[in-house]
Amino acid sequence: MNHPEVYHEPVMVQEVLEGLQIRKDGIYVDATYGGGGHTRAILERLGAGGKVIAFDQDESVRAHVMRDERLIFVPESFVYLKQFLRYYHTIPVDGILADLGVSSFQLDTPERGFSLRYDAPLDMRMDRRREHTAADLLRTASEAELHRLLEAYGEVRNARTVARVLVQARAEKPIQRTGELVQLLEPLIRGNRHQYLARVFQALRIAVNDELHALESFLRQAAEVLKPGGRLVVISFHSLEDRIVKQFMKGADATQATQSHAVWRMLTRKPLQPTPAEVKRNPRSSSARLRVAEKLSLPS
């Protein structure tokens, strides 16, 4: 096996492996390959008959995918989970992992526009085959739409004011760079500067990538492709995602049981968090929340 250099430290690896309960001959999905750390850890637990199907929509990941005959890499979003598992004849699967965080590689690549730390183009697309960037969103969205997405996706306290300021500013000149956006936001900041700006960036990123709808679609498909007794492990990094995952695993999605003939047994009453030692080693893991559920069958 050729293991290329990992550029993203995987979060909560031991907790992921314990949650998935790896069987040597099992079939597992890593829905968010990223730097490959979780996939590598799963492969290390598998025997020759095991398999991992890994998804990632970011084209920059493809050059770094490890070589292993037990690994199938799909260069697409996890919204195509069922379609590709069917294509590769791997339904049902034993376990599914999704790590919903933005990778360190994406954050540390200035031109991707994900980070506050660099003055860069306002891109924020996870998949650069998508047509519209964050700059496009700021140019075309109405004031009411900007207000809605800042409030819903970023929980920005003064979202109405921010939306008005952005619309007034773009009338003079399009907002095309992260530095320009930060400059416009500076007089509007409430509370902790970094947290406030991060919430605005988060809202734009979620909107550009349609992340919450993608997550809901993925969860519904996961219920369909997991075998009874199979495990679903999801790591989220903000309350909006965690809420969706929690409600799904509790069975609050009314369509879930009827469509998939499945219910869940949630194995983490409260989400697991990284240990203090992991947070010290990898500060970006601090907001991670991990939930695990087991699929149960309903009588047909």
C-alpha atoms as a PDB file:
ATOM      1  CA  MET A   1       0.000   0.000   0.000  1.00  0.00           C
ATOM      2  CA  ASN A   2       1.151   3.484  -0.824  1.00  0.00           C
ATOM      3  CA  HIS A   3       0.049   5.991   1.801  1.00  0.00           C
ATOM      4  CA  PRO A   4       0.611   9.571   0.598  1.00  0.00           C
ATOM      5  CA  GLU A   5       1.252  12.302   3.089  1.00  0.00           C
ATOM      6  CA  VAL A   6      -1.796  13.160   5.152  1.00  0.00           C
ATOM      7  CA  TYR A   7      -2.599  16.870   5.156  1.00  0.00           C
ATOM      8  CA  HIS A   8      -5.609  16.759   7.513  1.00  0.00           C
ATOM      9  CA  GLU A   9      -5.474  15.309  10.994  1.00  0.00           C
ATOM     10  CA  PRO A  10      -8.574  13.158  11.444  1.00  0.00           C
ATOM     11  CA  VAL A  11     -10.789  13.999  14.409  1.00  0.00           C
ATOM     12  CA  MET A  12     -11.736  11.507  17.164  1.00  0.00           C
ATOM     13  CA  VAL A  13     -10.334   8.464  15.366  1.00  0.00           C
ATOM     14  CA  GLN A  14     -10.644   6.019  18.269  1.00  0.00           C
ATOM     15  CA  GLU A  15     -14.209   7.115  18.964  1.00  0.00           C
ATOM     16  CA  VAL A  16     -15.051   6.651  15.252  1.00  0.00           C
ATOM     17  CA  LEU A  17     -13.600   3.121  15.210  1.00  0.00           C
ATOM     18  CA  GLU A  18     -15.417   2.170  18.407  1.00  0.00           C
ATOM     19  CA  GLY A  19     -18.642   3.622  17.050  1.00  0.00           C
ATOM     20  CA  LEU A  20     -18.411   1.709  13.773  1.00  0.00           C
ATOM     21  CA  GLN A  21     -17.473  -1.593  15.478  1.00  0.00           C
ATOM     22  CA  ILE A  22     -15.326  -2.662  12.509  1.00  0.00           C
ATOM     23  CA  ARG A  23     -15.697  -6.237  11.296  1.00  0.00           C
ATOM     24  CA  LYS A  24     -12.707  -7.572   9.352  1.00  0.00           C
ATOM     25  CA  ASP A  25     -14.801  -8.535   6.320  1.00  0.00           C
ATOM     26  CA  GLY A  26     -17.188  -5.588   6.547  1.00  0.00           C
ATOM     27  CA  ILE A  27     -18.102  -2.921   3.987  1.00  0.00           C
ATOM     28  CA  TYR A  28     -17.791   0.643   5.265  1.00  0.00           C
ATOM     29  CA  VAL A  29     -18.449   4.105   3.843  1.00  0.00           C
ATOM     30  CA  ASP A  30     -16.319   7.167   4.579  1.00  0.00           C
ATOM     31  CA  ALA A  31     -18.674   9.816   3.211  1.00  0.00           C
ATOM     32  CA  THR A  32     -16.092  12.615   3.608  1.00  0.00           C
ATOM     33  CA  TYR A  33     -12.630  11.330   2.669  1.00  0.00           C
ATOM     34  CA  GLY A  34     -10.752  14.650   3.147  1.00  0.00           C
ATOM     35  CA  GLY A  35      -7.161  13.855   4.045  1.00  0.00           C
ATOM     36  CA  GLY A  36      -7.919  10.144   4.286  1.00  0.00           C
ATOM     37  CA  GLY A  37      -7.129   9.742   7.996  1.00  0.00           C
ATOM     38  CA  HIS A  38     -10.395   8.053   8.930  1.00  0.00           C
ATOM     39  CA  THR A  39     -10.302   5.814   5.851  1.00  0.00           C
ATOM     40  CA  ARG A  40      -6.760   4.740   6.694  1.00  0.00           C
ATOM     41  CA  ALA A  41      -7.766   3.895  10.281  1.00  0.00           C
ATOM     42  CA  ILE A  42     -10.705   1.788   9.043  1.00  0.00           C
ATOM     43  CA  LEU A  43      -8.527  -0.034   6.482  1.00  0.00           C
ATOM     44  CA  GLU A  44      -6.024  -0.887   9.212  1.00  0.00           C
ATOM     45  CA  ARG A  45      -8.808  -2.758  11.036  1.00  0.00           C
ATOM     46  CA  LEU A  46     -10.071  -4.587   7.930  1.00  0.00           C
ATOM     47  CA  GLY A  47      -8.918  -7.915   6.550  1.00  0.00           C
ATOM     48  CA  ALA A  48      -8.416  -8.808   2.894  1.00  0.00           C
ATOM     49  CA  GLY A  49     -12.171  -9.275   2.417  1.00  0.00           C
ATOM     50  CA  GLY A  50     -13.142  -5.850   3.763  1.00  0.00           C
ATOM     51  CA  LYS A  51     -13.908  -2.766   1.716  1.00  0.00           C
ATOM     52  CA  VAL A  52     -14.184   1.019   2.106  1.00  0.00           C
ATOM     53  CA  ILE A  53     -16.135   3.207  -0.306  1.00  0.00           C
ATOM     54  CA  ALA A  54     -14.987   6.810   0.201  1.00  0.00           C
ATOM     55  CA  PHE A  55     -16.667   9.938  -1.168  1.00  0.00           C
ATOM     56  CA  ASP A  56     -15.298  13.465  -1.596  1.00  0.00           C
ATOM     57  CA  GLN A  57     -16.531  16.193  -3.944  1.00  0.00           C
ATOM     58  CA  ASP A  58     -13.378  18.349  -3.634  1.00  0.00           C
ATOM     59  CA  GLU A  59     -11.211  17.828  -6.716  1.00  0.00           C
ATOM     60  CA  SER A  60      -8.046  18.743  -4.776  1.00  0.00           C
ATOM     61  CA  VAL A  61      -8.475  15.533  -2.751  1.00  0.00           C
ATOM     62  CA  ARG A  62      -8.144  13.204  -5.738  1.00  0.00           C
ATOM     63  CA  ALA A  63      -4.382  13.539  -6.103  1.00  0.00           C
ATOM     64  CA  HIS A  64      -3.927  12.462  -2.475  1.00  0.00           C
ATOM     65  CA  VAL A  65      -6.123   9.342  -2.404  1.00  0.00           C
ATOM     66  CA  MET A  66      -4.211   6.386  -0.977  1.00  0.00           C
ATOM     67  CA  ARG A  67      -3.771   3.253  -3.027  1.00  0.00           C
ATOM     68  CA  ASP A  68      -5.358   0.165  -1.550  1.00  0.00           C
ATOM     69  CA  GLU A  69      -7.195  -2.547  -3.436  1.00  0.00           C
ATOM     70  CA  ARG A  70      -9.865  -2.562  -0.715  1.00  0.00           C
ATOM     71  CA  LEU A  71     -10.632   1.140  -1.301  1.00  0.00           C
ATOM     72  CA  ILE A  72     -13.079   2.523  -3.880  1.00  0.00           C
ATOM     73  CA  PHE A  73     -12.893   6.312  -4.168  1.00  0.00           C
ATOM     74  CA  VAL A  74     -15.894   8.228  -5.543  1.00  0.00           C
ATOM     75  CA  PRO A  75     -15.098  11.854  -6.531  1.00  0.00           C
ATOM     76  CA  GLU A  76     -18.607  13.085  -5.720  1.00  0.00           C
ATOM     77  CA  SER A  77     -20.685  14.447  -2.846  1.00  0.00           C
ATOM     78  CA  PHE A  78     -22.272  12.060  -0.371  1.00  0.00           C
ATOM     79  CA  VAL A  79     -25.674  13.101  -1.736  1.00  0.00           C
ATOM     80  CA  TYR A  80     -24.981  10.405  -4.370  1.00  0.00           C
ATOM     81  CA  LEU A  81     -24.424   7.751  -1.668  1.00  0.00           C
ATOM     82  CA  LYS A  82     -27.113   5.279  -2.719  1.00  0.00           C
ATOM     83  CA  GLN A  83     -26.491   5.741  -6.446  1.00  0.00           C
ATOM     84  CA  PHE A  84     -22.799   4.814  -6.247  1.00  0.00           C
ATOM     85  CA  LEU A  85     -23.208   2.036  -3.693  1.00  0.00           C
ATOM     86  CA  ARG A  86     -25.739   0.488  -6.044  1.00  0.00           C
ATOM     87  CA  TYR A  87     -23.321   0.963  -8.966  1.00  0.00           C
ATOM     88  CA  TYR A  88     -20.548  -0.860  -7.076  1.00  0.00           C
ATOM     89  CA  HIS A  89     -22.937  -3.574  -5.802  1.00  0.00           C
ATOM     90  CA  THR A  90     -22.065  -2.818  -2.166  1.00  0.00           C
ATOM     91  CA  ILE A  91     -25.560  -2.478  -0.650  1.00  0.00           C
ATOM     92  CA  PRO A  92     -26.097  -3.130   2.238  1.00  0.00           C
ATOM     93  CA  VAL A  93     -23.095  -1.754   4.130  1.00  0.00           C
ATOM     94  CA  ASP A  94     -21.938  -2.430   7.703  1.00  0.00           C
ATOM     95  CA  GLY A  95     -21.146   1.130   8.730  1.00  0.00           C
ATOM     96  CA  ILE A  96     -21.138   4.733   7.530  1.00  0.00           C
ATOM     97  CA  LEU A  97     -19.033   7.661   8.744  1.00  0.00           C
ATOM     98  CA  ALA A  98     -19.478  11.338   7.884  1.00  0.00           C
ATOM     99  CA  ASP A  99     -17.100  14.019   9.221  1.00  0.00           C
ATOM    100  CA  LEU A 100     -18.893  17.248   8.321  1.00  0.00           C
ATOM    101  CA  GLY A 101     -16.029  19.652   9.069  1.00  0.00           C
ATOM    102  CA  VAL A 102     -14.178  21.775   6.528  1.00  0.00           C
ATOM    103  CA  SER A 103     -10.761  20.140   6.120  1.00  0.00           C
ATOM    104  CA  SER A 104      -7.565  21.813   7.276  1.00  0.00           C
ATOM    105  CA  PHE A 105      -6.395  21.660   3.669  1.00  0.00           C
ATOM    106  CA  GLN A 106      -9.401  23.705   2.526  1.00  0.00           C
ATOM    107  CA  LEU A 107      -8.974  26.220   5.360  1.00  0.00           C
ATOM    108  CA  ASP A 108      -5.249  26.568   4.705  1.00  0.00           C
ATOM    109  CA  THR A 109      -5.612  27.101   0.936  1.00  0.00           C
ATOM    110  CA  PRO A 110      -6.173  30.882   0.677  1.00  0.00           C
ATOM    111  CA  GLU A 111      -7.764  30.918  -2.789  1.00  0.00           C
ATOM    112  CA  ARG A 112     -10.607  28.656  -1.599  1.00  0.00           C
ATOM    113  CA  GLY A 113     -11.970  31.601   0.427  1.00  0.00           C
ATOM    114  CA  PHE A 114     -13.013  29.541   3.484  1.00  0.00           C
ATOM    115  CA  SER A 115     -10.777  31.273   6.013  1.00  0.00           C
ATOM    116  CA  LEU A 116     -10.860  34.654   7.722  1.00  0.00           C
ATOM    117  CA  ARG A 117      -7.077  34.661   7.897  1.00  0.00           C
ATOM    118  CA  TYR A 118      -6.401  35.457   4.255  1.00  0.00           C
ATOM    119  CA  ASP A 119      -7.513  38.142   1.838  1.00  0.00           C
ATOM    120  CA  ALA A 120      -8.702  35.888  -0.970  1.00  0.00           C
ATOM    121  CA  PRO A 121     -11.489  35.521  -3.548  1.00  0.00           C
ATOM    122  CA  LEU A 122     -14.895  34.855  -1.962  1.00  0.00           C
ATOM    123  CA  ASP A 123     -15.283  31.363  -3.378  1.00  0.00           C
ATOM    124  CA  MET A 124     -16.281  28.886  -0.600  1.00  0.00           C
ATOM    125  CA  ARG A 125     -17.356  26.109  -2.992  1.00  0.00           C
ATOM    126  CA  MET A 126     -16.620  22.618  -1.649  1.00  0.00           C
ATOM    127  CA  ASP A 127     -17.011  21.351  -5.211  1.00  0.00           C
ATOM    128  CA  ARG A 128     -15.589  23.840  -7.686  1.00  0.00           C
ATOM    129  CA  ARG A 129     -17.774  22.363 -10.407  1.00  0.00           C
ATOM    130  CA  ARG A 130     -20.597  24.293  -8.740  1.00  0.00           C
ATOM    131  CA  GLU A 131     -21.487  27.386 -10.702  1.00  0.00           C
ATOM    132  CA  HIS A 132     -22.055  29.956  -7.947  1.00  0.00           C
ATOM    133  CA  THR A 133     -19.486  31.257  -5.453  1.00  0.00           C
ATOM    134  CA  ALA A 134     -19.991  33.239  -2.255  1.00  0.00           C
ATOM    135  CA  ALA A 135     -19.213  36.405  -4.252  1.00  0.00           C
ATOM    136  CA  ASP A 136     -22.040  35.499  -6.648  1.00  0.00           C
ATOM    137  CA  LEU A 137     -24.377  34.978  -3.700  1.00  0.00           C
ATOM    138  CA  LEU A 138     -23.489  38.379  -2.223  1.00  0.00           C
ATOM    139  CA  ARG A 139     -24.032  39.992  -5.632  1.00  0.00           C
ATOM    140  CA  THR A 140     -27.419  38.460  -6.453  1.00  0.00           C
ATOM    141  CA  ALA A 141     -29.286  37.601  -3.225  1.00  0.00           C
ATOM    142  CA  SER A 142     -31.981  40.013  -2.097  1.00  0.00           C
ATOM    143  CA  GLU A 143     -31.650  41.820   1.215  1.00  0.00           C
ATOM    144  CA  ALA A 144     -34.423  39.615   2.651  1.00  0.00           C
ATOM    145  CA  GLU A 145     -32.650  36.446   1.481  1.00  0.00           C
ATOM    146  CA  LEU A 146     -29.313  37.571   2.956  1.00  0.00           C
ATOM    147  CA  HIS A 147     -31.064  38.387   6.230  1.00  0.00           C
ATOM    148  CA  ARG A 148     -32.686  34.924   6.274  1.00  0.00           C
ATOM    149  CA  LEU A 149     -29.527  32.938   5.561  1.00  0.00           C
ATOM    150  CA  LEU A 150     -27.351  34.930   7.996  1.00  0.00           C
ATOM    151  CA  GLU A 151     -29.943  34.368  10.725  1.00  0.00           C
ATOM    152  CA  ALA A 152     -30.728  30.719   9.912  1.00  0.00           C
ATOM    153  CA  TYR A 153     -27.291  29.414   8.935  1.00  0.00           C
ATOM    154  CA  GLY A 154     -25.010  31.640  11.028  1.00  0.00           C
ATOM    155  CA  GLU A 155     -27.276  32.608  13.917  1.00  0.00           C
ATOM    156  CA  VAL A 156     -25.895  36.135  13.406  1.00  0.00           C
ATOM    157  CA  ARG A 157     -27.558  38.354  16.012  1.00  0.00           C
ATOM    158  CA  ASN A 158     -27.778  41.521  13.905  1.00  0.00           C
ATOM    159  CA  ALA A 159     -28.435  39.713  10.622  1.00  0.00           C
ATOM    160  CA  ARG A 160     -30.935  42.315   9.371  1.00  0.00           C
ATOM    161  CA  THR A 161     -28.387  45.138   9.765  1.00  0.00           C
ATOM    162  CA  VAL A 162     -25.618  43.100   8.134  1.00  0.00           C
ATOM    163  CA  ALA A 163     -27.850  42.299   5.147  1.00  0.00           C
ATOM    164  CA  ARG A 164     -28.707  45.983   4.694  1.00  0.00           C
ATOM    165  CA  VAL A 165     -25.037  47.040   4.883  1.00  0.00           C
ATOM    166  CA  LEU A 166     -23.984  44.375   2.355  1.00  0.00           C
ATOM    167  CA  VAL A 167     -26.691  45.407  -0.123  1.00  0.00           C
ATOM    168  CA  GLN A 168     -25.754  49.091   0.247  1.00  0.00           C
ATOM    169  CA  ALA A 169     -22.061  48.292  -0.236  1.00  0.00           C
ATOM    170  CA  ARG A 170     -22.542  46.172  -3.351  1.00  0.00           C
ATOM    171  CA  ALA A 171     -24.472  49.014  -4.997  1.00  0.00           C
ATOM    172  CA  GLU A 172     -21.162  50.924  -4.998  1.00  0.00           C
ATOM    173  CA  LYS A 173     -18.848  48.004  -5.788  1.00  0.00           C
ATOM    174  CA  PRO A 174     -19.204  44.179  -5.881  1.00  0.00           C
ATOM    175  CA  ILE A 175     -17.931  42.360  -2.758  1.00  0.00           C
ATOM    176  CA  GLN A 176     -15.447  39.906  -4.246  1.00  0.00           C
ATOM    177  CA  ARG A 177     -12.816  39.216  -1.591  1.00  0.00           C
ATOM    178  CA  THR A 178     -12.789  37.950   1.982  1.00  0.00           C
ATOM    179  CA  GLY A 179     -10.836  41.031   3.077  1.00  0.00           C
ATOM    180  CA  GLU A 180     -13.521  43.352   1.653  1.00  0.00           C
ATOM    181  CA  LEU A 181     -16.235  41.419   3.465  1.00  0.00           C
ATOM    182  CA  VAL A 182     -14.371  41.526   6.789  1.00  0.00           C
ATOM    183  CA  GLN A 183     -13.805  45.271   6.378  1.00  0.00           C
ATOM    184  CA  LEU A 184     -17.539  45.845   5.888  1.00  0.00           C
ATOM    185  CA  LEU A 185     -18.356  43.699   8.926  1.00  0.00           C
ATOM    186  CA  GLU A 186     -15.855  45.283  11.350  1.00  0.00           C
ATOM    187  CA  PRO A 187     -18.175  48.118  12.552  1.00  0.00           C
ATOM    188  CA  LEU A 188     -21.052  45.615  12.973  1.00  0.00           C
ATOM    189  CA  ILE A 189     -19.283  43.020  15.135  1.00  0.00           C
ATOM    190  CA  ARG A 190     -21.090  41.972  18.321  1.00  0.00           C
ATOM    191  CA  GLY A 191     -19.183  40.061  21.010  1.00  0.00           C
ATOM    192  CA  ASN A 192     -16.105  37.986  20.177  1.00  0.00           C
ATOM    193  CA  ARG A 193     -14.665  39.200  16.859  1.00  0.00           C
ATOM    194  CA  HIS A 194     -13.450  35.845  15.570  1.00  0.00           C
ATOM    195  CA  GLN A 195     -16.656  34.005  16.519  1.00  0.00           C
ATOM    196  CA  TYR A 196     -18.826  36.685  14.954  1.00  0.00           C
ATOM    197  CA  LEU A 197     -16.934  36.707  11.646  1.00  0.00           C
ATOM    198  CA  ALA A 198     -16.805  32.896  11.634  1.00  0.00           C
ATOM    199  CA  ARG A 199     -20.609  32.782  11.907  1.00  0.00           C
ATOM    200  CA  VAL A 200     -21.025  35.054   8.873  1.00  0.00           C
ATOM    201  CA  PHE A 201     -18.545  32.953   6.874  1.00  0.00           C
ATOM    202  CA  GLN A 202     -20.313  29.784   8.029  1.00  0.00           C
ATOM    203  CA  ALA A 203     -23.689  31.096   6.844  1.00  0.00           C
ATOM    204  CA  LEU A 204     -22.344  31.945   3.396  1.00  0.00           C
ATOM    205  CA  ARG A 205     -20.547  28.595   3.077  1.00  0.00           C
ATOM    206  CA  ILE A 206     -23.647  26.613   4.044  1.00  0.00           C
ATOM    207  CA  ALA A 207     -25.739  28.546   1.537  1.00  0.00           C
ATOM    208  CA  VAL A 208     -23.221  28.226  -1.321  1.00  0.00           C
ATOM    209  CA  ASN A 209     -22.912  24.459  -0.829  1.00  0.00           C
ATOM    210  CA  ASP A 210     -26.534  23.792   0.191  1.00  0.00           C
ATOM    211  CA  GLU A 211     -25.025  21.855   3.095  1.00  0.00           C
ATOM    212  CA  LEU A 212     -28.045  21.284   5.322  1.00  0.00           C
ATOM    213  CA  HIS A 213     -30.249  19.912   2.540  1.00  0.00           C
ATOM    214  CA  ALA A 214     -27.341  17.714   1.433  1.00  0.00           C
ATOM    215  CA  LEU A 215     -26.979  16.393   4.988  1.00  0.00           C
ATOM    216  CA  GLU A 216     -30.699  15.565   5.232  1.00  0.00           C
ATOM    217  CA  SER A 217     -30.580  13.727   1.904  1.00  0.00           C
ATOM    218  CA  PHE A 218     -27.478  11.803   2.982  1.00  0.00           C
ATOM    219  CA  LEU A 219     -29.048  10.714   6.288  1.00  0.00           C
ATOM    220  CA  ARG A 220     -32.180   9.408   4.555  1.00  0.00           C
ATOM    221  CA  GLN A 221     -30.027   7.422   2.122  1.00  0.00           C
ATOM    222  CA  ALA A 222     -27.848   6.100   4.958  1.00  0.00           C
ATOM    223  CA  ALA A 223     -30.980   4.609   6.551  1.00  0.00           C
ATOM    224  CA  GLU A 224     -31.723   2.785   3.303  1.00  0.00           C
ATOM    225  CA  VAL A 225     -28.252   1.350   2.589  1.00  0.00           C
ATOM    226  CA  LEU A 226     -27.178   0.273   6.096  1.00  0.00           C
ATOM    227  CA  LYS A 227     -27.853  -3.325   7.050  1.00  0.00           C
ATOM    228  CA  PRO A 228     -29.757  -4.066  10.283  1.00  0.00           C
ATOM    229  CA  GLY A 229     -27.242  -3.743  13.117  1.00  0.00           C
ATOM    230  CA  GLY A 230     -25.116  -1.408  11.014  1.00  0.00           C
ATOM    231  CA  ARG A 231     -23.709   1.748  12.579  1.00  0.00           C
ATOM    232  CA  LEU A 232     -23.963   5.387  11.520  1.00  0.00           C
ATOM    233  CA  VAL A 233     -21.309   7.745  12.941  1.00  0.00           C
ATOM    234  CA  VAL A 234     -21.546  11.479  12.278  1.00  0.00           C
ATOM    235  CA  ILE A 235     -19.147  14.207  13.424  1.00  0.00           C
ATOM    236  CA  SER A 236     -20.565  17.724  13.226  1.00  0.00           C
ATOM    237  CA  PHE A 237     -18.964  21.067  14.004  1.00  0.00           C
ATOM    238  CA  HIS A 238     -21.863  23.442  14.603  1.00  0.00           C
ATOM    239  CA  SER A 239     -25.264  23.302  16.249  1.00  0.00           C
ATOM    240  CA  LEU A 240     -27.309  23.380  13.027  1.00  0.00           C
ATOM    241  CA  GLU A 241     -25.770  20.152  11.728  1.00  0.00           C
ATOM    242  CA  ASP A 242     -25.764  18.498  15.144  1.00  0.00           C
ATOM    243  CA  ARG A 243     -29.464  19.279  15.601  1.00  0.00           C
ATOM    244  CA  ILE A 244     -30.343  17.650  12.263  1.00  0.00           C
ATOM    245  CA  VAL A 245     -28.269  14.551  13.087  1.00  0.00           C
ATOM    246  CA  LYS A 246     -29.717  14.274  16.602  1.00  0.00           C
ATOM    247  CA  GLN A 247     -33.328  14.582  15.419  1.00  0.00           C
ATOM    248  CA  PHE A 248     -32.736  12.028  12.662  1.00  0.00           C
ATOM    249  CA  MET A 249     -31.159   9.494  14.997  1.00  0.00           C
ATOM    250  CA  LYS A 250     -34.009   9.980  17.476  1.00  0.00           C
ATOM    251  CA  GLY A 251     -36.440   9.174  14.661  1.00  0.00           C
ATOM    252  CA  ALA A 252     -37.945  12.654  14.444  1.00  0.00           C
ATOM    253  CA  ASP A 253     -37.811  12.442  10.638  1.00  0.00           C
ATOM    254  CA  ALA A 254     -41.358  11.201  10.056  1.00  0.00           C
ATOM    255  CA  THR A 255     -40.597   9.778   6.597  1.00  0.00           C
ATOM    256  CA  GLN A 256     -37.627   7.769   7.840  1.00  0.00           C
ATOM    257  CA  ALA A 257     -39.301   4.653   9.265  1.00  0.00           C
ATOM    258  CA  THR A 258     -41.917   4.319   6.541  1.00  0.00           C
ATOM    259  CA  GLN A 259     -39.461   4.735   3.665  1.00  0.00           C
ATOM    260  CA  SER A 260     -36.594   2.626   4.948  1.00  0.00           C
ATOM    261  CA  HIS A 261     -38.426   0.169   7.259  1.00  0.00           C
ATOM    262  CA  ALA A 262     -35.866   1.164   9.866  1.00  0.00           C
ATOM    263  CA  VAL A 263     -35.613   2.825  13.214  1.00  0.00           C
ATOM    264  CA  TRP A 264     -32.511   3.813  15.120  1.00  0.00           C
ATOM    265  CA  ARG A 265     -31.109   3.063  18.526  1.00  0.00           C
ATOM    266  CA  MET A 266     -29.085   6.112  19.485  1.00  0.00           C
ATOM    267  CA  LEU A 267     -25.931   4.958  21.258  1.00  0.00           C
ATOM    268  CA  THR A 268     -24.740   8.421  22.319  1.00  0.00           C
ATOM    269  CA  ARG A 269     -27.376  10.088  24.498  1.00  0.00           C
ATOM    270  CA  LYS A 270     -25.080  13.092  24.599  1.00  0.00           C
ATOM    271  CA  PRO A 271     -22.602  13.691  21.769  1.00  0.00           C
ATOM    272  CA  LEU A 272     -19.029  12.598  22.375  1.00  0.00           C
ATOM    273  CA  GLN A 273     -16.397  15.352  22.386  1.00  0.00           C
ATOM    274  CA  PRO A 274     -12.646  15.221  21.781  1.00  0.00           C
ATOM    275  CA  THR A 275     -10.428  14.670  24.796  1.00  0.00           C
ATOM    276  CA  PRO A 276      -8.471  17.640  26.212  1.00  0.00           C
ATOM    277  CA  ALA A 277      -5.299  15.973  24.881  1.00  0.00           C
ATOM    278  CA  GLU A 278      -6.715  15.881  21.340  1.00  0.00           C
ATOM    279  CA  VAL A 279      -7.874  19.499  21.503  1.00  0.00           C
ATOM    280  CA  LYS A 280      -4.395  20.532  22.663  1.00  0.00           C
ATOM    281  CA  ARG A 281      -2.822  18.599  19.782  1.00  0.00           C
ATOM    282  CA  ASN A 282      -5.409  19.696  17.208  1.00  0.00           C
ATOM    283  CA  PRO A 283      -7.241  22.895  18.290  1.00  0.00           C
ATOM    284  CA  ARG A 284      -9.569  22.691  15.285  1.00  0.00           C
ATOM    285  CA  SER A 285     -11.151  19.594  16.815  1.00  0.00           C
ATOM    286  CA  SER A 286     -12.512  21.570  19.783  1.00  0.00           C
ATOM    287  CA  SER A 287     -16.036  22.064  18.381  1.00  0.00           C
ATOM    288  CA  ALA A 288     -16.432  18.455  17.126  1.00  0.00           C
ATOM    289  CA  ARG A 289     -19.490  16.530  18.319  1.00  0.00           C
ATOM    290  CA  LEU A 290     -19.786  12.821  17.505  1.00  0.00           C
ATOM    291  CA  ARG A 291     -23.040  10.852  17.507  1.00  0.00           C
ATOM    292  CA  VAL A 292     -23.542   7.138  16.891  1.00  0.00           C
ATOM    293  CA  ALA A 293     -26.716   5.212  16.067  1.00  0.00           C
ATOM    294  CA  GLU A 294     -27.446   1.599  15.207  1.00  0.00           C
ATOM    295  CA  LYS A 295     -30.013   0.663  12.581  1.00  0.00           C
ATOM    296  CA  LEU A 296     -32.767  -1.636  13.813  1.00  0.00           C
ATOM    297  CA  SER A 297     -35.216  -3.522  11.590  1.00  0.00           C
ATOM    298  CA  LEU A 298     -38.944  -3.146  11.725  1.00  0.00           C
ATOM    299  CA  PRO A 299     -41.112  -6.151  10.905  1.00  0.00           C
ATOM    300  CA  SER A 300     -42.202  -5.896   7.274  1.00  0.00           C
END
